[in-house]
PDB file of N, CA and C in Angstrom:
ATOM      1  N   MET A   1     -21.861   0.260  59.239  1.00  0.00           N
ATOM      2  CA  MET A   1     -21.226   1.537  58.960  1.00  0.00           C
ATOM      3  C   MET A   1     -19.943   1.353  58.152  1.00  0.00           C
ATOM      4  N   ALA A   2     -19.241   0.243  58.377  1.00  0.00           N
ATOM      5  CA  ALA A   2     -17.984  -0.006  57.666  1.00  0.00           C
ATOM      6  C   ALA A   2     -18.234  -0.149  56.165  1.00  0.00           C
ATOM      7  N   THR A   3     -19.351  -0.795  55.801  1.00  0.00           N
ATOM      8  CA  THR A   3     -19.664  -0.979  54.378  1.00  0.00           C
ATOM      9  C   THR A   3     -19.918   0.369  53.716  1.00  0.00           C
ATOM     10  N   TYR A   4     -20.659   1.237  54.363  1.00  0.00           N
ATOM     11  CA  TYR A   4     -20.923   2.570  53.834  1.00  0.00           C
ATOM     12  C   TYR A   4     -19.617   3.335  53.660  1.00  0.00           C
ATOM     13  N   THR A   5     -18.757   3.292  54.641  1.00  0.00           N
ATOM     14  CA  THR A   5     -17.487   3.997  54.583  1.00  0.00           C
ATOM     15  C   THR A   5     -16.632   3.469  53.437  1.00  0.00           C
ATOM     16  N   HIS A   6     -16.604   2.156  53.288  1.00  0.00           N
ATOM     17  CA  HIS A   6     -15.835   1.528  52.218  1.00  0.00           C
ATOM     18  C   HIS A   6     -16.376   1.958  50.846  1.00  0.00           C
ATOM     19  N   CYS A   7     -17.692   1.917  50.676  1.00  0.00           N
ATOM     20  CA  CYS A   7     -18.314   2.327  49.411  1.00  0.00           C
ATOM     21  C   CYS A   7     -18.061   3.798  49.128  1.00  0.00           C
ATOM     22  N   ASN A   8     -18.194   4.628  50.130  1.00  0.00           N
ATOM     23  CA  ASN A   8     -17.957   6.057  49.971  1.00  0.00           C
ATOM     24  C   ASN A   8     -16.519   6.317  49.530  1.00  0.00           C
ATOM     25  N   LYS A   9     -15.578   5.642  50.149  1.00  0.00           N
ATOM     26  CA  LYS A   9     -14.173   5.798  49.795  1.00  0.00           C
ATOM     27  C   LYS A   9     -13.937   5.362  48.352  1.00  0.00           C
ATOM     28  N   PHE A  10     -14.516   4.233  47.962  1.00  0.00           N
ATOM     29  CA  PHE A  10     -14.355   3.721  46.608  1.00  0.00           C
ATOM     30  C   PHE A  10     -14.895   4.720  45.579  1.00  0.00           C
ATOM     31  N   PHE A  11     -16.123   5.187  45.761  1.00  0.00           N
ATOM     32  CA  PHE A  11     -16.736   6.086  44.790  1.00  0.00           C
ATOM     33  C   PHE A  11     -16.042   7.442  44.746  1.00  0.00           C
ATOM     34  N   THR A  12     -15.562   7.922  45.886  1.00  0.00           N
ATOM     35  CA  THR A  12     -14.824   9.185  45.913  1.00  0.00           C
ATOM     36  C   THR A  12     -13.533   9.053  45.115  1.00  0.00           C
ATOM     37  N   GLU A  13     -12.785   7.986  45.349  1.00  0.00           N
ATOM     38  CA  GLU A  13     -11.529   7.763  44.633  1.00  0.00           C
ATOM     39  C   GLU A  13     -11.777   7.541  43.145  1.00  0.00           C
ATOM     40  N   ARG A  14     -12.777   6.753  42.826  1.00  0.00           N
ATOM     41  CA  ARG A  14     -13.090   6.490  41.416  1.00  0.00           C
ATOM     42  C   ARG A  14     -13.521   7.772  40.709  1.00  0.00           C
ATOM     43  N   GLY A  15     -14.272   8.598  41.386  1.00  0.00           N
ATOM     44  CA  GLY A  15     -14.679   9.882  40.815  1.00  0.00           C
ATOM     45  C   GLY A  15     -13.479  10.762  40.507  1.00  0.00           C
ATOM     46  N   ARG A  16     -12.500  10.776  41.385  1.00  0.00           N
ATOM     47  CA  ARG A  16     -11.278  11.550  41.142  1.00  0.00           C
ATOM     48  C   ARG A  16     -10.526  11.011  39.926  1.00  0.00           C
ATOM     49  N   GLN A  17     -10.454   9.686  39.815  1.00  0.00           N
ATOM     50  CA  GLN A  17      -9.768   9.078  38.673  1.00  0.00           C
ATOM     51  C   GLN A  17     -10.461   9.444  37.362  1.00  0.00           C
ATOM     52  N   VAL A  18     -11.774   9.379  37.350  1.00  0.00           N
ATOM     53  CA  VAL A  18     -12.529   9.706  36.140  1.00  0.00           C
ATOM     54  C   VAL A  18     -12.361  11.170  35.783  1.00  0.00           C
ATOM     55  N   GLU A  19     -12.423  12.049  36.752  1.00  0.00           N
ATOM     56  CA  GLU A  19     -12.219  13.474  36.486  1.00  0.00           C
ATOM     57  C   GLU A  19     -10.834  13.732  35.914  1.00  0.00           C
ATOM     58  N   ALA A  20      -9.815  13.048  36.421  1.00  0.00           N
ATOM     59  CA  ALA A  20      -8.452  13.213  35.910  1.00  0.00           C
ATOM     60  C   ALA A  20      -8.352  12.706  34.474  1.00  0.00           C
ATOM     61  N   MET A  21      -8.997  11.597  34.180  1.00  0.00           N
ATOM     62  CA  MET A  21      -8.979  11.052  32.819  1.00  0.00           C
ATOM     63  C   MET A  21      -9.682  12.002  31.856  1.00  0.00           C
ATOM     64  N   MET A  22     -10.812  12.540  32.260  1.00  0.00           N
ATOM     65  CA  MET A  22     -11.556  13.459  31.402  1.00  0.00           C
ATOM     66  C   MET A  22     -10.785  14.759  31.188  1.00  0.00           C
ATOM     67  N   ALA A  23     -10.041  15.183  32.190  1.00  0.00           N
ATOM     68  CA  ALA A  23      -9.279  16.426  32.091  1.00  0.00           C
ATOM     69  C   ALA A  23      -8.195  16.351  31.015  1.00  0.00           C
ATOM     70  N   VAL A  24      -7.688  15.139  30.749  1.00  0.00           N
ATOM     71  CA  VAL A  24      -6.648  14.985  29.724  1.00  0.00           C
ATOM     72  C   VAL A  24      -7.231  14.509  28.401  1.00  0.00           C
ATOM     73  N   GLY A  25      -8.559  14.490  28.286  1.00  0.00           N
ATOM     74  CA  GLY A  25      -9.201  14.205  27.008  1.00  0.00           C
ATOM     75  C   GLY A  25      -9.643  12.774  26.775  1.00  0.00           C
ATOM     76  N   HIS A  26      -9.549  11.923  27.770  1.00  0.00           N
ATOM     77  CA  HIS A  26     -10.001  10.542  27.600  1.00  0.00           C
ATOM     78  C   HIS A  26     -11.524  10.496  27.617  1.00  0.00           C
ATOM     79  N   VAL A  27     -12.089   9.644  26.747  1.00  0.00           N
ATOM     80  CA  VAL A  27     -13.532   9.467  26.708  1.00  0.00           C
ATOM     81  C   VAL A  27     -13.920   8.172  27.405  1.00  0.00           C
ATOM     82  N   TYR A  28     -13.091   7.136  27.212  1.00  0.00           N
ATOM     83  CA  TYR A  28     -13.352   5.826  27.796  1.00  0.00           C
ATOM     84  C   TYR A  28     -12.220   5.447  28.740  1.00  0.00           C
ATOM     85  N   SER A  29     -12.522   4.560  29.679  1.00  0.00           N
ATOM     86  CA  SER A  29     -11.494   4.084  30.590  1.00  0.00           C
ATOM     87  C   SER A  29     -10.509   3.196  29.844  1.00  0.00           C
ATOM     88  N   GLU A  30      -9.354   2.937  30.457  1.00  0.00           N
ATOM     89  CA  GLU A  30      -8.347   2.078  29.837  1.00  0.00           C
ATOM     90  C   GLU A  30      -8.899   0.673  29.607  1.00  0.00           C
ATOM     91  N   VAL A  31      -9.700   0.187  30.529  1.00  0.00           N
ATOM     92  CA  VAL A  31     -10.299  -1.147  30.392  1.00  0.00           C
ATOM     93  C   VAL A  31     -11.230  -1.186  29.185  1.00  0.00           C
ATOM     94  N   ALA A  32     -12.048  -0.150  29.032  1.00  0.00           N
ATOM     95  CA  ALA A  32     -12.978  -0.099  27.900  1.00  0.00           C
ATOM     96  C   ALA A  32     -12.228   0.032  26.580  1.00  0.00           C
ATOM     97  N   VAL A  33     -11.185   0.844  26.543  1.00  0.00           N
ATOM     98  CA  VAL A  33     -10.397   1.003  25.316  1.00  0.00           C
ATOM     99  C   VAL A  33      -9.756  -0.315  24.931  1.00  0.00           C
ATOM    100  N   LYS A  34      -9.207  -1.038  25.905  1.00  0.00           N
ATOM    101  CA  LYS A  34      -8.584  -2.329  25.617  1.00  0.00           C
ATOM    102  C   LYS A  34      -9.614  -3.319  25.087  1.00  0.00           C
ATOM    103  N   ALA A  35     -10.797  -3.349  25.686  1.00  0.00           N
ATOM    104  CA  ALA A  35     -11.854  -4.249  25.226  1.00  0.00           C
ATOM    105  C   ALA A  35     -12.286  -3.901  23.799  1.00  0.00           C
ATOM    106  N   LEU A  36     -12.408  -2.620  23.494  1.00  0.00           N
ATOM    107  CA  LEU A  36     -12.771  -2.200  22.137  1.00  0.00           C
ATOM    108  C   LEU A  36     -11.686  -2.561  21.132  1.00  0.00           C
ATOM    109  N   GLU A  37     -10.436  -2.351  21.499  1.00  0.00           N
ATOM    110  CA  GLU A  37      -9.331  -2.701  20.603  1.00  0.00           C
ATOM    111  C   GLU A  37      -9.260  -4.198  20.370  1.00  0.00           C
ATOM    112  N   ASP A  38      -9.455  -4.999  21.417  1.00  0.00           N
ATOM    113  CA  ASP A  38      -9.458  -6.453  21.272  1.00  0.00           C
ATOM    114  C   ASP A  38     -10.578  -6.909  20.342  1.00  0.00           C
ATOM    115  N   ALA A  39     -11.759  -6.357  20.534  1.00  0.00           N
ATOM    116  CA  ALA A  39     -12.897  -6.720  19.686  1.00  0.00           C
ATOM    117  C   ALA A  39     -12.644  -6.305  18.243  1.00  0.00           C
ATOM    118  N   GLN A  40     -12.057  -5.123  18.043  1.00  0.00           N
ATOM    119  CA  GLN A  40     -11.761  -4.645  16.695  1.00  0.00           C
ATOM    120  C   GLN A  40     -10.740  -5.537  16.011  1.00  0.00           C
ATOM    121  N   SER A  41      -9.742  -5.980  16.748  1.00  0.00           N
ATOM    122  CA  SER A  41      -8.716  -6.825  16.136  1.00  0.00           C
ATOM    123  C   SER A  41      -9.259  -8.194  15.748  1.00  0.00           C
ATOM    124  N   LYS A  42     -10.257  -8.676  16.464  1.00  0.00           N
ATOM    125  CA  LYS A  42     -10.868  -9.969  16.147  1.00  0.00           C
ATOM    126  C   LYS A  42     -11.896  -9.848  15.029  1.00  0.00           C
ATOM    127  N   ALA A  43     -12.455  -8.676  14.849  1.00  0.00           N
ATOM    128  CA  ALA A  43     -13.508  -8.464  13.853  1.00  0.00           C
ATOM    129  C   ALA A  43     -12.961  -7.680  12.673  1.00  0.00           C
ATOM    130  N   ASN A  44     -11.848  -8.145  12.120  1.00  0.00           N
ATOM    131  CA  ASN A  44     -11.197  -7.358  11.090  1.00  0.00           C
ATOM    132  C   ASN A  44     -11.423  -7.901   9.680  1.00  0.00           C
ATOM    133  N   THR A  45     -12.440  -8.707   9.475  1.00  0.00           N
ATOM    134  CA  THR A  45     -12.686  -9.239   8.140  1.00  0.00           C
ATOM    135  C   THR A  45     -13.780  -8.488   7.400  1.00  0.00           C
ATOM    136  N   HIS A  46     -14.480  -7.599   8.081  1.00  0.00           N
ATOM    137  CA  HIS A  46     -15.540  -6.819   7.455  1.00  0.00           C
ATOM    138  C   HIS A  46     -15.430  -5.362   7.888  1.00  0.00           C
ATOM    139  N   THR A  47     -15.782  -4.487   6.983  1.00  0.00           N
ATOM    140  CA  THR A  47     -15.846  -3.067   7.291  1.00  0.00           C
ATOM    141  C   THR A  47     -17.259  -2.592   6.999  1.00  0.00           C
ATOM    142  N   ILE A  48     -17.891  -1.951   7.972  1.00  0.00           N
ATOM    143  CA  ILE A  48     -19.233  -1.417   7.763  1.00  0.00           C
ATOM    144  C   ILE A  48     -19.092  -0.055   7.102  1.00  0.00           C
ATOM    145  N   LEU A  49     -19.635   0.071   5.911  1.00  0.00           N
ATOM    146  CA  LEU A  49     -19.539   1.315   5.165  1.00  0.00           C
ATOM    147  C   LEU A  49     -20.673   2.270   5.510  1.00  0.00           C
ATOM    148  N   SER A  50     -21.867   1.719   5.749  1.00  0.00           N
ATOM    149  CA  SER A  50     -22.986   2.555   6.165  1.00  0.00           C
ATOM    150  C   SER A  50     -24.013   1.710   6.908  1.00  0.00           C
ATOM    151  N   PHE A  51     -24.817   2.385   7.703  1.00  0.00           N
ATOM    152  CA  PHE A  51     -25.860   1.724   8.486  1.00  0.00           C
ATOM    153  C   PHE A  51     -27.089   2.610   8.494  1.00  0.00           C
ATOM    154  N   ASP A  52     -28.218   2.055   8.053  1.00  0.00           N
ATOM    155  CA  ASP A  52     -29.481   2.787   8.050  1.00  0.00           C
ATOM    156  C   ASP A  52     -30.268   2.366   9.286  1.00  0.00           C
ATOM    157  N   ARG A  53     -30.431   3.269  10.222  1.00  0.00           N
ATOM    158  CA  ARG A  53     -31.118   2.933  11.482  1.00  0.00           C
ATOM    159  C   ARG A  53     -32.589   2.591  11.285  1.00  0.00           C
ATOM    160  N   ARG A  54     -33.226   3.276  10.374  1.00  0.00           N
ATOM    161  CA  ARG A  54     -34.661   3.023  10.177  1.00  0.00           C
ATOM    162  C   ARG A  54     -34.934   1.615   9.673  1.00  0.00           C
ATOM    163  N   SER A  55     -34.173   1.198   8.668  1.00  0.00           N
ATOM    164  CA  SER A  55     -34.411  -0.131   8.107  1.00  0.00           C
ATOM    165  C   SER A  55     -33.459  -1.176   8.688  1.00  0.00           C
ATOM    166  N   THR A  56     -32.552  -0.754   9.533  1.00  0.00           N
ATOM    167  CA  THR A  56     -31.512  -1.600  10.136  1.00  0.00           C
ATOM    168  C   THR A  56     -30.749  -2.392   9.083  1.00  0.00           C
ATOM    169  N   ARG A  57     -30.379  -1.707   8.001  1.00  0.00           N
ATOM    170  CA  ARG A  57     -29.601  -2.340   6.935  1.00  0.00           C
ATOM    171  C   ARG A  57     -28.173  -1.826   6.974  1.00  0.00           C
ATOM    172  N   PHE A  58     -27.263  -2.750   6.741  1.00  0.00           N
ATOM    173  CA  PHE A  58     -25.845  -2.440   6.708  1.00  0.00           C
ATOM    174  C   PHE A  58     -25.314  -2.559   5.284  1.00  0.00           C
ATOM    175  N   LEU A  59     -24.349  -1.741   4.939  1.00  0.00           N
ATOM    176  CA  LEU A  59     -23.573  -1.907   3.726  1.00  0.00           C
ATOM    177  C   LEU A  59     -22.184  -2.316   4.209  1.00  0.00           C
ATOM    178  N   VAL A  60     -21.799  -3.565   3.887  1.00  0.00           N
ATOM    179  CA  VAL A  60     -20.586  -4.155   4.431  1.00  0.00           C
ATOM    180  C   VAL A  60     -19.613  -4.481   3.308  1.00  0.00           C
ATOM    181  N   GLN A  61     -18.347  -4.200   3.543  1.00  0.00           N
ATOM    182  CA  GLN A  61     -17.293  -4.564   2.610  1.00  0.00           C
ATOM    183  C   GLN A  61     -16.463  -5.660   3.257  1.00  0.00           C
ATOM    184  N   GLU A  62     -16.296  -6.771   2.565  1.00  0.00           N
ATOM    185  CA  GLU A  62     -15.493  -7.865   3.080  1.00  0.00           C
ATOM    186  C   GLU A  62     -14.050  -7.647   2.648  1.00  0.00           C
ATOM    187  N   ARG A  63     -13.119  -7.890   3.553  1.00  0.00           N
ATOM    188  CA  ARG A  63     -11.714  -7.771   3.203  1.00  0.00           C
ATOM    189  C   ARG A  63     -10.948  -8.990   3.717  1.00  0.00           C
ATOM    190  N   GLN A  64      -9.775  -9.187   3.205  1.00  0.00           N
ATOM    191  CA  GLN A  64      -9.010 -10.332   3.621  1.00  0.00           C
ATOM    192  C   GLN A  64      -8.465 -10.113   5.015  1.00  0.00           C
ATOM    193  N   ASN A  65      -8.353 -11.200   5.741  1.00  0.00           N
ATOM    194  CA  ASN A  65      -7.838 -11.156   7.100  1.00  0.00           C
ATOM    195  C   ASN A  65      -6.316 -10.992   7.045  1.00  0.00           C
ATOM    196  N   PRO A  66      -5.773  -9.862   7.523  1.00  0.00           N
ATOM    197  CA  PRO A  66      -4.332  -9.617   7.423  1.00  0.00           C
ATOM    198  C   PRO A  66      -3.494 -10.390   8.438  1.00  0.00           C
ATOM    199  N   ARG A  67      -4.103 -11.162   9.277  1.00  0.00           N
ATOM    200  CA  ARG A  67      -3.331 -11.893  10.302  1.00  0.00           C
ATOM    201  C   ARG A  67      -2.502 -12.981   9.709  1.00  0.00           C
TER     202      ARG A  67
END
């Protein structure tokens, strides 16, 4: 019973946090935003200009690494 109570408490609290984040316009959690920003900063040598889903072809522009 303790495990159920613990899980219920966790999901209830997490649900409140998510609702509060969505109420102020957030789409992703802070952890997800940080992970996306980190990945973007490491992948800054190419810019995808277009992507064709049917043929899975990318149009990529290479740029110099500003670091």
